């Protein structure tokens, strides 16, 4: 059962830290007035299957999903930059970037996932360095709004056989995709 976190009186991170049964959480609905998710907020939420980060979140702490072993599906609608948000989340299979996302940051997935499917929102302009390093995607469709793909964005994606570009493309900068 999802939990609605929608209180201006406590931070989301504090709520998660005091929640005694966080090891049983399977889904969480983050309220539209939440703008900050603190460091390690979802740490060891072993049963968490999916998460959607709304565009209202403007700050995300480091290692926010650290060791969420069951996490399979992520919908990322924010431009907030998080340090290693999915560290030790080895089972993520589907990642969707919403239309409000402008940039996929450096090291976003960085080899810590069995990621198979990525969907980019219409406004993603930049895919950062090492963004999907070591993921298990077989193909990637780059939307026409993407103007820059950083160094080694798909490094060590050994199963990747196809990168498709939607025409007409706005791609102006394509660095070394894999090393």
Foldseek 3Di string as FASTA:
>chain_A
DEDEDDDPPDALLVVQVPPPVLLADQEYDYDLCHAEAEACSSPNVQNHAEYEDAQSHAEYEECPNPQNANHAEYEYAYQYDYHAPCHQNAAHAEYEYAQNHAEQEACQPQQRYQHAYYHYHQRHAEYEHCSPANYQYQEAEAEQNHAEYYHLVHENNVNHDYYHYDPPHNHDYYYHNYD
